């Protein structure tokens, strides 16, 4: 949770409007299905549950996302292997850059 608070502060400082953090799968899926979201950071592990249903919900709405994981792209299921990945540990600038890339025109 401490890391989520740091990430939230970094994004807030970058001018982002934040939905979350959401640390449990069911409310994260609900948010992905209903909230007005421009882009998302998805930690692959939400208290022992994999975040892939959230990714599916976002993909269904054409909302871009980046996975945050310590395992790299190799830890993703085949469906998401081409998705952007931010590998832990990461720096604050990498978080902002990853979201900027998702939101850049042509993405």
PDB file of N, CA and C in Angstrom:
ATOM      1  N   UNK A   1       0.820  -1.190   0.000  1.00  0.00           N
ATOM      2  CA  UNK A   1       0.000   0.000   0.000  1.00  0.00           C
ATOM      3  C   UNK A   1       0.870   1.263   0.000  1.00  0.00           C
ATOM      4  N   UNK A   2       2.022   1.174   0.650  1.00  0.00           N
ATOM      5  CA  UNK A   2       2.932   2.314   0.686  1.00  0.00           C
ATOM      6  C   UNK A   2       3.389   2.684  -0.727  1.00  0.00           C
ATOM      7  N   UNK A   3       3.701   1.671  -1.521  1.00  0.00           N
ATOM      8  CA  UNK A   3       4.124   1.928  -2.901  1.00  0.00           C
ATOM      9  C   UNK A   3       2.991   2.576  -3.685  1.00  0.00           C
ATOM     10  N   UNK A   4       1.769   2.106  -3.481  1.00  0.00           N
ATOM     11  CA  UNK A   4       0.614   2.689  -4.171  1.00  0.00           C
ATOM     12  C   UNK A   4       0.450   4.156  -3.795  1.00  0.00           C
ATOM     13  N   UNK A   5       0.708   4.490  -2.537  1.00  0.00           N
ATOM     14  CA  UNK A   5       0.598   5.882  -2.109  1.00  0.00           C
ATOM     15  C   UNK A   5       1.673   6.744  -2.767  1.00  0.00           C
ATOM     16  N   UNK A   6       2.872   6.204  -2.918  1.00  0.00           N
ATOM     17  CA  UNK A   6       3.952   6.936  -3.584  1.00  0.00           C
ATOM     18  C   UNK A   6       3.607   7.150  -5.053  1.00  0.00           C
ATOM     19  N   UNK A   7       3.128   6.104  -5.711  1.00  0.00           N
ATOM     20  CA  UNK A   7       2.733   6.218  -7.122  1.00  0.00           C
ATOM     21  C   UNK A   7       1.621   7.252  -7.269  1.00  0.00           C
ATOM     22  N   UNK A   8       0.661   7.215  -6.367  1.00  0.00           N
ATOM     23  CA  UNK A   8      -0.431   8.188  -6.399  1.00  0.00           C
ATOM     24  C   UNK A   8       0.113   9.616  -6.286  1.00  0.00           C
ATOM     25  N   UNK A   9       1.052   9.837  -5.388  1.00  0.00           N
ATOM     26  CA  UNK A   9       1.650  11.169  -5.227  1.00  0.00           C
ATOM     27  C   UNK A   9       2.392  11.600  -6.489  1.00  0.00           C
ATOM     28  N   UNK A  10       3.126  10.680  -7.099  1.00  0.00           N
ATOM     29  CA  UNK A  10       3.861  10.983  -8.334  1.00  0.00           C
ATOM     30  C   UNK A  10       2.889  11.395  -9.435  1.00  0.00           C
ATOM     31  N   UNK A  11       1.822  10.633  -9.594  1.00  0.00           N
ATOM     32  CA  UNK A  11       0.844  10.935 -10.644  1.00  0.00           C
ATOM     33  C   UNK A  11       0.090  12.219 -10.358  1.00  0.00           C
ATOM     34  N   UNK A  12      -0.219  12.456  -9.096  1.00  0.00           N
ATOM     35  CA  UNK A  12      -0.881  13.702  -8.709  1.00  0.00           C
ATOM     36  C   UNK A  12       0.021  14.892  -9.048  1.00  0.00           C
ATOM     37  N   UNK A  13       1.303  14.781  -8.726  1.00  0.00           N
ATOM     38  CA  UNK A  13       2.262  15.842  -9.048  1.00  0.00           C
ATOM     39  C   UNK A  13       2.378  16.069 -10.552  1.00  0.00           C
ATOM     40  N   UNK A  14       2.133  15.020 -11.337  1.00  0.00           N
ATOM     41  CA  UNK A  14       2.205  15.123 -12.796  1.00  0.00           C
ATOM     42  C   UNK A  14       0.912  15.654 -13.400  1.00  0.00           C
ATOM     43  N   UNK A  15      -0.078  15.936 -12.541  1.00  0.00           N
ATOM     44  CA  UNK A  15      -1.327  16.508 -13.018  1.00  0.00           C
ATOM     45  C   UNK A  15      -2.400  15.500 -13.389  1.00  0.00           C
ATOM     46  N   UNK A  16      -2.212  14.255 -12.996  1.00  0.00           N
ATOM     47  CA  UNK A  16      -3.200  13.220 -13.311  1.00  0.00           C
ATOM     48  C   UNK A  16      -4.368  13.263 -12.325  1.00  0.00           C
ATOM     49  N   UNK A  17      -5.538  12.944 -12.822  1.00  0.00           N
ATOM     50  CA  UNK A  17      -6.691  12.719 -11.950  1.00  0.00           C
ATOM     51  C   UNK A  17      -6.741  11.218 -11.703  1.00  0.00           C
ATOM     52  N   UNK A  18      -6.725  10.818 -10.457  1.00  0.00           N
ATOM     53  CA  UNK A  18      -6.501   9.422 -10.109  1.00  0.00           C
ATOM     54  C   UNK A  18      -7.785   8.733  -9.672  1.00  0.00           C
ATOM     55  N   UNK A  19      -8.006   7.547 -10.223  1.00  0.00           N
ATOM     56  CA  UNK A  19      -9.062   6.648  -9.776  1.00  0.00           C
ATOM     57  C   UNK A  19      -8.339   5.513  -9.069  1.00  0.00           C
ATOM     58  N   UNK A  20      -8.418   5.474  -7.770  1.00  0.00           N
ATOM     59  CA  UNK A  20      -7.711   4.428  -7.036  1.00  0.00           C
ATOM     60  C   UNK A  20      -6.745   5.016  -6.048  1.00  0.00           C
ATOM     61  N   UNK A  21      -5.854   4.232  -5.536  1.00  0.00           N
ATOM     62  CA  UNK A  21      -5.570   2.846  -5.924  1.00  0.00           C
ATOM     63  C   UNK A  21      -6.670   1.895  -5.458  1.00  0.00           C
ATOM     64  N   UNK A  22      -6.826   0.843  -6.215  1.00  0.00           N
ATOM     65  CA  UNK A  22      -7.801  -0.195  -5.899  1.00  0.00           C
ATOM     66  C   UNK A  22      -7.021  -1.491  -5.753  1.00  0.00           C
ATOM     67  N   UNK A  23      -6.979  -2.044  -4.562  1.00  0.00           N
ATOM     68  CA  UNK A  23      -6.124  -3.186  -4.268  1.00  0.00           C
ATOM     69  C   UNK A  23      -6.783  -4.542  -4.313  1.00  0.00           C
ATOM     70  N   UNK A  24      -8.033  -4.604  -4.648  1.00  0.00           N
ATOM     71  CA  UNK A  24      -8.743  -5.888  -4.717  1.00  0.00           C
ATOM     72  C   UNK A  24      -9.358  -6.072  -6.098  1.00  0.00           C
ATOM     73  N   UNK A  25      -9.420  -7.325  -6.541  1.00  0.00           N
ATOM     74  CA  UNK A  25      -9.838  -7.624  -7.908  1.00  0.00           C
ATOM     75  C   UNK A  25     -11.273  -7.201  -8.219  1.00  0.00           C
ATOM     76  N   UNK A  26     -12.238  -7.584  -7.407  1.00  0.00           N
ATOM     77  CA  UNK A  26     -13.643  -7.301  -7.728  1.00  0.00           C
ATOM     78  C   UNK A  26     -13.917  -5.808  -7.880  1.00  0.00           C
ATOM     79  N   UNK A  27     -13.505  -4.954  -6.934  1.00  0.00           N
ATOM     80  CA  UNK A  27     -13.756  -3.531  -7.150  1.00  0.00           C
ATOM     81  C   UNK A  27     -12.939  -2.954  -8.306  1.00  0.00           C
ATOM     82  N   UNK A  28     -11.786  -3.530  -8.598  1.00  0.00           N
ATOM     83  CA  UNK A  28     -10.982  -3.062  -9.723  1.00  0.00           C
ATOM     84  C   UNK A  28     -11.682  -3.374 -11.046  1.00  0.00           C
ATOM     85  N   UNK A  29     -12.272  -4.561 -11.162  1.00  0.00           N
ATOM     86  CA  UNK A  29     -13.029  -4.914 -12.368  1.00  0.00           C
ATOM     87  C   UNK A  29     -14.220  -3.978 -12.524  1.00  0.00           C
ATOM     88  N   UNK A  30     -14.922  -3.748 -11.431  1.00  0.00           N
ATOM     89  CA  UNK A  30     -16.081  -2.855 -11.478  1.00  0.00           C
ATOM     90  C   UNK A  30     -15.670  -1.452 -11.929  1.00  0.00           C
ATOM     91  N   UNK A  31     -14.587  -0.956 -11.400  1.00  0.00           N
ATOM     92  CA  UNK A  31     -14.087   0.360 -11.793  1.00  0.00           C
ATOM     93  C   UNK A  31     -13.701   0.369 -13.271  1.00  0.00           C
ATOM     94  N   UNK A  32     -13.021  -0.670 -13.721  1.00  0.00           N
ATOM     95  CA  UNK A  32     -12.600  -0.769 -15.125  1.00  0.00           C
ATOM     96  C   UNK A  32     -13.802  -0.801 -16.073  1.00  0.00           C
ATOM     97  N   UNK A  33     -14.898  -1.339 -15.604  1.00  0.00           N
ATOM     98  CA  UNK A  33     -16.098  -1.431 -16.440  1.00  0.00           C
ATOM     99  C   UNK A  33     -16.920  -0.145 -16.445  1.00  0.00           C
ATOM    100  N   UNK A  34     -16.777   0.697 -15.395  1.00  0.00           N
ATOM    101  CA  UNK A  34     -17.712   1.816 -15.240  1.00  0.00           C
ATOM    102  C   UNK A  34     -17.101   3.211 -15.168  1.00  0.00           C
ATOM    103  N   UNK A  35     -15.899   3.323 -14.648  1.00  0.00           N
ATOM    104  CA  UNK A  35     -15.299   4.643 -14.424  1.00  0.00           C
ATOM    105  C   UNK A  35     -14.852   5.288 -15.740  1.00  0.00           C
ATOM    106  N   UNK A  36     -14.818   6.608 -15.727  1.00  0.00           N
ATOM    107  CA  UNK A  36     -14.232   7.357 -16.840  1.00  0.00           C
ATOM    108  C   UNK A  36     -12.718   7.323 -16.644  1.00  0.00           C
ATOM    109  N   UNK A  37     -12.038   6.534 -17.451  1.00  0.00           N
ATOM    110  CA  UNK A  37     -10.598   6.305 -17.309  1.00  0.00           C
ATOM    111  C   UNK A  37      -9.937   6.559 -18.663  1.00  0.00           C
ATOM    112  N   UNK A  38      -8.847   7.322 -18.638  1.00  0.00           N
ATOM    113  CA  UNK A  38      -8.090   7.559 -19.868  1.00  0.00           C
ATOM    114  C   UNK A  38      -7.012   6.511 -20.079  1.00  0.00           C
ATOM    115  N   UNK A  39      -6.394   6.051 -18.978  1.00  0.00           N
ATOM    116  CA  UNK A  39      -5.323   5.049 -19.025  1.00  0.00           C
ATOM    117  C   UNK A  39      -5.170   4.477 -17.624  1.00  0.00           C
ATOM    118  N   UNK A  40      -4.524   3.313 -17.542  1.00  0.00           N
ATOM    119  CA  UNK A  40      -4.408   2.658 -16.238  1.00  0.00           C
ATOM    120  C   UNK A  40      -3.052   2.009 -16.035  1.00  0.00           C
ATOM    121  N   UNK A  41      -2.620   1.996 -14.784  1.00  0.00           N
ATOM    122  CA  UNK A  41      -1.472   1.206 -14.336  1.00  0.00           C
ATOM    123  C   UNK A  41      -2.052   0.003 -13.619  1.00  0.00           C
ATOM    124  N   UNK A  42      -1.662  -1.187 -14.025  1.00  0.00           N
ATOM    125  CA  UNK A  42      -2.211  -2.410 -13.429  1.00  0.00           C
ATOM    126  C   UNK A  42      -1.100  -3.245 -12.808  1.00  0.00           C
ATOM    127  N   UNK A  43      -1.080  -3.314 -11.489  1.00  0.00           N
ATOM    128  CA  UNK A  43      -0.159  -4.226 -10.826  1.00  0.00           C
ATOM    129  C   UNK A  43      -0.688  -5.629 -11.089  1.00  0.00           C
ATOM    130  N   UNK A  44       0.158  -6.514 -11.553  1.00  0.00           N
ATOM    131  CA  UNK A  44      -0.281  -7.854 -11.936  1.00  0.00           C
ATOM    132  C   UNK A  44      -0.855  -8.624 -10.747  1.00  0.00           C
ATOM    133  N   UNK A  45      -0.351  -8.372  -9.558  1.00  0.00           N
ATOM    134  CA  UNK A  45      -0.788  -9.104  -8.369  1.00  0.00           C
ATOM    135  C   UNK A  45      -1.568  -8.183  -7.439  1.00  0.00           C
ATOM    136  N   UNK A  46      -2.868  -8.451  -7.309  1.00  0.00           N
ATOM    137  CA  UNK A  46      -3.722  -7.705  -6.386  1.00  0.00           C
ATOM    138  C   UNK A  46      -4.058  -8.594  -5.198  1.00  0.00           C
ATOM    139  N   UNK A  47      -3.250  -8.517  -4.157  1.00  0.00           N
ATOM    140  CA  UNK A  47      -3.460  -9.329  -2.960  1.00  0.00           C
ATOM    141  C   UNK A  47      -3.655 -10.808  -3.301  1.00  0.00           C
ATOM    142  N   UNK A  48      -2.778 -11.323  -4.144  1.00  0.00           N
ATOM    143  CA  UNK A  48      -2.804 -12.742  -4.485  1.00  0.00           C
ATOM    144  C   UNK A  48      -3.677 -13.106  -5.667  1.00  0.00           C
ATOM    145  N   UNK A  49      -4.370 -12.153  -6.238  1.00  0.00           N
ATOM    146  CA  UNK A  49      -5.202 -12.417  -7.412  1.00  0.00           C
ATOM    147  C   UNK A  49      -4.590 -11.701  -8.617  1.00  0.00           C
ATOM    148  N   UNK A  50      -4.603 -12.370  -9.762  1.00  0.00           N
ATOM    149  CA  UNK A  50      -4.050 -11.772 -10.973  1.00  0.00           C
ATOM    150  C   UNK A  50      -5.025 -10.750 -11.552  1.00  0.00           C
ATOM    151  N   UNK A  51      -4.486  -9.672 -12.069  1.00  0.00           N
ATOM    152  CA  UNK A  51      -5.246  -8.513 -12.512  1.00  0.00           C
ATOM    153  C   UNK A  51      -5.827  -8.662 -13.922  1.00  0.00           C
ATOM    154  N   UNK A  52      -5.635  -9.789 -14.553  1.00  0.00           N
ATOM    155  CA  UNK A  52      -6.012  -9.921 -15.963  1.00  0.00           C
ATOM    156  C   UNK A  52      -7.496  -9.697 -16.263  1.00  0.00           C
ATOM    157  N   UNK A  53      -8.435 -10.020 -15.363  1.00  0.00           N
ATOM    158  CA  UNK A  53      -9.828  -9.643 -15.648  1.00  0.00           C
ATOM    159  C   UNK A  53     -10.025  -8.121 -15.755  1.00  0.00           C
ATOM    160  N   UNK A  54      -9.240  -7.362 -15.015  1.00  0.00           N
ATOM    161  CA  UNK A  54      -9.301  -5.899 -15.125  1.00  0.00           C
ATOM    162  C   UNK A  54      -8.781  -5.472 -16.496  1.00  0.00           C
ATOM    163  N   UNK A  55      -7.685  -6.069 -16.919  1.00  0.00           N
ATOM    164  CA  UNK A  55      -7.133  -5.773 -18.242  1.00  0.00           C
ATOM    165  C   UNK A  55      -8.149  -6.107 -19.334  1.00  0.00           C
ATOM    166  N   UNK A  56      -8.842  -7.207 -19.200  1.00  0.00           N
ATOM    167  CA  UNK A  56      -9.878  -7.588 -20.180  1.00  0.00           C
ATOM    168  C   UNK A  56     -10.969  -6.524 -20.236  1.00  0.00           C
ATOM    169  N   UNK A  57     -11.420  -6.060 -19.058  1.00  0.00           N
ATOM    170  CA  UNK A  57     -12.480  -5.042 -19.010  1.00  0.00           C
ATOM    171  C   UNK A  57     -12.011  -3.740 -19.651  1.00  0.00           C
ATOM    172  N   UNK A  58     -10.774  -3.351 -19.380  1.00  0.00           N
ATOM    173  CA  UNK A  58     -10.242  -2.131 -19.991  1.00  0.00           C
ATOM    174  C   UNK A  58     -10.094  -2.294 -21.494  1.00  0.00           C
ATOM    175  N   UNK A  59      -9.580  -3.431 -21.920  1.00  0.00           N
ATOM    176  CA  UNK A  59      -9.400  -3.682 -23.353  1.00  0.00           C
ATOM    177  C   UNK A  59     -10.744  -3.649 -24.084  1.00  0.00           C
ATOM    178  N   UNK A  60     -11.782  -4.168 -23.452  1.00  0.00           N
ATOM    179  CA  UNK A  60     -13.115  -4.162 -24.061  1.00  0.00           C
ATOM    180  C   UNK A  60     -13.621  -2.740 -24.284  1.00  0.00           C
ATOM    181  N   UNK A  61     -13.126  -1.802 -23.477  1.00  0.00           N
ATOM    182  CA  UNK A  61     -13.520  -0.398 -23.598  1.00  0.00           C
ATOM    183  C   UNK A  61     -12.476   0.442 -24.347  1.00  0.00           C
ATOM    184  N   UNK A  62     -11.462  -0.232 -24.898  1.00  0.00           N
ATOM    185  CA  UNK A  62     -10.372   0.454 -25.611  1.00  0.00           C
ATOM    186  C   UNK A  62      -9.638   1.469 -24.736  1.00  0.00           C
ATOM    187  N   UNK A  63      -9.476   1.135 -23.466  1.00  0.00           N
ATOM    188  CA  UNK A  63      -8.731   1.976 -22.532  1.00  0.00           C
ATOM    189  C   UNK A  63      -7.328   1.398 -22.423  1.00  0.00           C
ATOM    190  N   UNK A  64      -6.303   2.191 -22.747  1.00  0.00           N
ATOM    191  CA  UNK A  64      -4.931   1.672 -22.689  1.00  0.00           C
ATOM    192  C   UNK A  64      -4.466   1.475 -21.246  1.00  0.00           C
ATOM    193  N   UNK A  65      -3.563   0.531 -21.070  1.00  0.00           N
ATOM    194  CA  UNK A  65      -3.032   0.233 -19.744  1.00  0.00           C
ATOM    195  C   UNK A  65      -1.609  -0.272 -19.864  1.00  0.00           C
ATOM    196  N   UNK A  66      -0.909  -0.193 -18.759  1.00  0.00           N
ATOM    197  CA  UNK A  66       0.439  -0.754 -18.665  1.00  0.00           C
ATOM    198  C   UNK A  66       0.465  -1.656 -17.440  1.00  0.00           C
ATOM    199  N   UNK A  67       1.047  -2.832 -17.600  1.00  0.00           N
ATOM    200  CA  UNK A  67       1.200  -3.744 -16.474  1.00  0.00           C
ATOM    201  C   UNK A  67       2.421  -3.351 -15.668  1.00  0.00           C
ATOM    202  N   UNK A  68       2.302  -3.438 -14.364  1.00  0.00           N
ATOM    203  CA  UNK A  68       3.404  -3.200 -13.454  1.00  0.00           C
ATOM    204  C   UNK A  68       3.687  -4.544 -12.775  1.00  0.00           C
ATOM    205  N   UNK A  69       4.917  -5.052 -12.945  1.00  0.00           N
ATOM    206  CA  UNK A  69       5.234  -6.378 -12.435  1.00  0.00           C
ATOM    207  C   UNK A  69       6.728  -6.533 -12.192  1.00  0.00           C
ATOM    208  N   UNK A  70       7.050  -7.425 -11.309  1.00  0.00           N
ATOM    209  CA  UNK A  70       8.450  -7.755 -11.078  1.00  0.00           C
ATOM    210  C   UNK A  70       8.926  -8.886 -11.962  1.00  0.00           C
ATOM    211  N   UNK A  71       8.019  -9.475 -12.743  1.00  0.00           N
ATOM    212  CA  UNK A  71       8.347 -10.644 -13.556  1.00  0.00           C
ATOM    213  C   UNK A  71       8.591 -10.325 -15.018  1.00  0.00           C
ATOM    214  N   UNK A  72       8.362  -9.094 -15.439  1.00  0.00           N
ATOM    215  CA  UNK A  72       8.547  -8.736 -16.835  1.00  0.00           C
ATOM    216  C   UNK A  72       7.448  -9.295 -17.711  1.00  0.00           C
ATOM    217  N   UNK A  73       7.569  -9.080 -19.003  1.00  0.00           N
ATOM    218  CA  UNK A  73       6.547  -9.517 -19.962  1.00  0.00           C
ATOM    219  C   UNK A  73       6.390 -11.030 -19.984  1.00  0.00           C
ATOM    220  N   UNK A  74       7.422 -11.763 -19.616  1.00  0.00           N
ATOM    221  CA  UNK A  74       7.338 -13.225 -19.609  1.00  0.00           C
ATOM    222  C   UNK A  74       6.340 -13.768 -18.615  1.00  0.00           C
ATOM    223  N   UNK A  75       5.957 -12.964 -17.628  1.00  0.00           N
ATOM    224  CA  UNK A  75       4.978 -13.396 -16.643  1.00  0.00           C
ATOM    225  C   UNK A  75       3.543 -13.133 -17.055  1.00  0.00           C
ATOM    226  N   UNK A  76       3.356 -12.577 -18.248  1.00  0.00           N
ATOM    227  CA  UNK A  76       2.008 -12.280 -18.724  1.00  0.00           C
ATOM    228  C   UNK A  76       1.461 -13.444 -19.542  1.00  0.00           C
ATOM    229  N   UNK A  77       0.138 -13.631 -19.522  1.00  0.00           N
ATOM    230  CA  UNK A  77      -0.441 -14.656 -20.396  1.00  0.00           C
ATOM    231  C   UNK A  77      -0.278 -14.250 -21.860  1.00  0.00           C
ATOM    232  N   UNK A  78      -0.333 -15.207 -22.782  1.00  0.00           N
ATOM    233  CA  UNK A  78      -0.121 -14.911 -24.201  1.00  0.00           C
ATOM    234  C   UNK A  78      -0.967 -13.747 -24.723  1.00  0.00           C
ATOM    235  N   UNK A  79      -2.192 -13.621 -24.291  1.00  0.00           N
ATOM    236  CA  UNK A  79      -3.098 -12.558 -24.763  1.00  0.00           C
ATOM    237  C   UNK A  79      -2.509 -11.170 -24.528  1.00  0.00           C
ATOM    238  N   UNK A  80      -1.721 -11.020 -23.454  1.00  0.00           N
ATOM    239  CA  UNK A  80      -1.210  -9.703 -23.082  1.00  0.00           C
ATOM    240  C   UNK A  80       0.287  -9.538 -23.271  1.00  0.00           C
ATOM    241  N   UNK A  81       0.946 -10.468 -23.919  1.00  0.00           N
ATOM    242  CA  UNK A  81       2.404 -10.389 -24.056  1.00  0.00           C
ATOM    243  C   UNK A  81       2.885  -9.180 -24.844  1.00  0.00           C
ATOM    244  N   UNK A  82       2.057  -8.594 -25.677  1.00  0.00           N
ATOM    245  CA  UNK A  82       2.464  -7.408 -26.423  1.00  0.00           C
ATOM    246  C   UNK A  82       2.137  -6.103 -25.706  1.00  0.00           C
ATOM    247  N   UNK A  83       1.554  -6.205 -24.519  1.00  0.00           N
ATOM    248  CA  UNK A  83       1.158  -5.018 -23.760  1.00  0.00           C
ATOM    249  C   UNK A  83       2.369  -4.340 -23.138  1.00  0.00           C
ATOM    250  N   UNK A  84       2.266  -3.041 -22.912  1.00  0.00           N
ATOM    251  CA  UNK A  84       3.362  -2.345 -22.228  1.00  0.00           C
ATOM    252  C   UNK A  84       3.550  -2.884 -20.812  1.00  0.00           C
ATOM    253  N   UNK A  85       4.801  -2.957 -20.388  1.00  0.00           N
ATOM    254  CA  UNK A  85       5.139  -3.462 -19.057  1.00  0.00           C
ATOM    255  C   UNK A  85       6.128  -2.508 -18.403  1.00  0.00           C
ATOM    256  N   UNK A  86       5.858  -2.177 -17.179  1.00  0.00           N
ATOM    257  CA  UNK A  86       6.772  -1.406 -16.352  1.00  0.00           C
ATOM    258  C   UNK A  86       7.293  -2.377 -15.302  1.00  0.00           C
ATOM    259  N   UNK A  87       8.582  -2.686 -15.368  1.00  0.00           N
ATOM    260  CA  UNK A  87       9.160  -3.701 -14.489  1.00  0.00           C
ATOM    261  C   UNK A  87       9.620  -3.079 -13.179  1.00  0.00           C
ATOM    262  N   UNK A  88       9.217  -3.733 -12.096  1.00  0.00           N
ATOM    263  CA  UNK A  88       9.658  -3.306 -10.757  1.00  0.00           C
ATOM    264  C   UNK A  88      11.097  -3.739 -10.552  1.00  0.00           C
ATOM    265  N   UNK A  89      11.889  -2.987  -9.830  1.00  0.00           N
ATOM    266  CA  UNK A  89      11.592  -1.651  -9.308  1.00  0.00           C
ATOM    267  C   UNK A  89      11.681  -0.617 -10.419  1.00  0.00           C
ATOM    268  N   UNK A  90      10.966   0.448 -10.281  1.00  0.00           N
ATOM    269  CA  UNK A  90      10.925   1.498 -11.291  1.00  0.00           C
ATOM    270  C   UNK A  90      11.064   2.855 -10.613  1.00  0.00           C
ATOM    271  N   UNK A  91      11.405   3.843 -11.402  1.00  0.00           N
ATOM    272  CA  UNK A  91      11.548   5.209 -10.907  1.00  0.00           C
ATOM    273  C   UNK A  91      10.277   6.002 -11.221  1.00  0.00           C
ATOM    274  N   UNK A  92      10.082   7.071 -10.487  1.00  0.00           N
ATOM    275  CA  UNK A  92       8.899   7.907 -10.676  1.00  0.00           C
ATOM    276  C   UNK A  92       8.776   8.384 -12.120  1.00  0.00           C
ATOM    277  N   UNK A  93       9.886   8.776 -12.712  1.00  0.00           N
ATOM    278  CA  UNK A  93       9.856   9.263 -14.095  1.00  0.00           C
ATOM    279  C   UNK A  93       9.370   8.185 -15.057  1.00  0.00           C
ATOM    280  N   UNK A  94       9.662   6.930 -14.771  1.00  0.00           N
ATOM    281  CA  UNK A  94       9.228   5.833 -15.646  1.00  0.00           C
ATOM    282  C   UNK A  94       7.711   5.676 -15.614  1.00  0.00           C
ATOM    283  N   UNK A  95       7.113   5.908 -14.466  1.00  0.00           N
ATOM    284  CA  UNK A  95       5.650   5.824 -14.349  1.00  0.00           C
ATOM    285  C   UNK A  95       5.006   6.895 -15.228  1.00  0.00           C
ATOM    286  N   UNK A  96       5.470   8.108 -15.097  1.00  0.00           N
ATOM    287  CA  UNK A  96       4.921   9.219 -15.860  1.00  0.00           C
ATOM    288  C   UNK A  96       5.149   8.997 -17.356  1.00  0.00           C
ATOM    289  N   UNK A  97       6.338   8.537 -17.713  1.00  0.00           N
ATOM    290  CA  UNK A  97       6.642   8.277 -19.126  1.00  0.00           C
ATOM    291  C   UNK A  97       5.757   7.179 -19.695  1.00  0.00           C
ATOM    292  N   UNK A  98       5.510   6.130 -18.920  1.00  0.00           N
ATOM    293  CA  UNK A  98       4.662   5.031 -19.392  1.00  0.00           C
ATOM    294  C   UNK A  98       3.247   5.517 -19.661  1.00  0.00           C
ATOM    295  N   UNK A  99       2.695   6.310 -18.757  1.00  0.00           N
ATOM    296  CA  UNK A  99       1.345   6.832 -18.981  1.00  0.00           C
ATOM    297  C   UNK A  99       1.317   7.832 -20.130  1.00  0.00           C
ATOM    298  N   UNK A 100       2.332   8.652 -20.241  1.00  0.00           N
ATOM    299  CA  UNK A 100       2.396   9.608 -21.358  1.00  0.00           C
ATOM    300  C   UNK A 100       2.415   8.877 -22.691  1.00  0.00           C
ATOM    301  N   UNK A 101       3.158   7.770 -22.743  1.00  0.00           N
ATOM    302  CA  UNK A 101       3.212   6.985 -23.982  1.00  0.00           C
ATOM    303  C   UNK A 101       1.843   6.406 -24.313  1.00  0.00           C
ATOM    304  N   UNK A 102       1.104   5.957 -23.301  1.00  0.00           N
ATOM    305  CA  UNK A 102      -0.234   5.419 -23.539  1.00  0.00           C
ATOM    306  C   UNK A 102      -1.173   6.474 -24.087  1.00  0.00           C
ATOM    307  N   UNK A 103      -0.987   7.696 -23.638  1.00  0.00           N
ATOM    308  CA  UNK A 103      -1.916   8.766 -23.990  1.00  0.00           C
ATOM    309  C   UNK A 103      -1.478   9.598 -25.195  1.00  0.00           C
ATOM    310  N   UNK A 104      -0.312   9.269 -25.754  1.00  0.00           N
ATOM    311  CA  UNK A 104       0.168  10.037 -26.893  1.00  0.00           C
ATOM    312  C   UNK A 104      -0.678   9.742 -28.136  1.00  0.00           C
ATOM    313  N   UNK A 105      -0.832  10.743 -28.989  1.00  0.00           N
ATOM    314  CA  UNK A 105      -1.602  10.520 -30.216  1.00  0.00           C
ATOM    315  C   UNK A 105      -1.026   9.365 -31.034  1.00  0.00           C
ATOM    316  N   UNK A 106      -1.903   8.589 -31.589  1.00  0.00           N
ATOM    317  CA  UNK A 106      -1.480   7.456 -32.409  1.00  0.00           C
ATOM    318  C   UNK A 106      -1.295   6.181 -31.620  1.00  0.00           C
ATOM    319  N   UNK A 107      -1.507   6.239 -30.330  1.00  0.00           N
ATOM    320  CA  UNK A 107      -1.386   5.022 -29.532  1.00  0.00           C
ATOM    321  C   UNK A 107      -2.708   4.323 -29.400  1.00  0.00           C
TER     322      UNK A 107
END
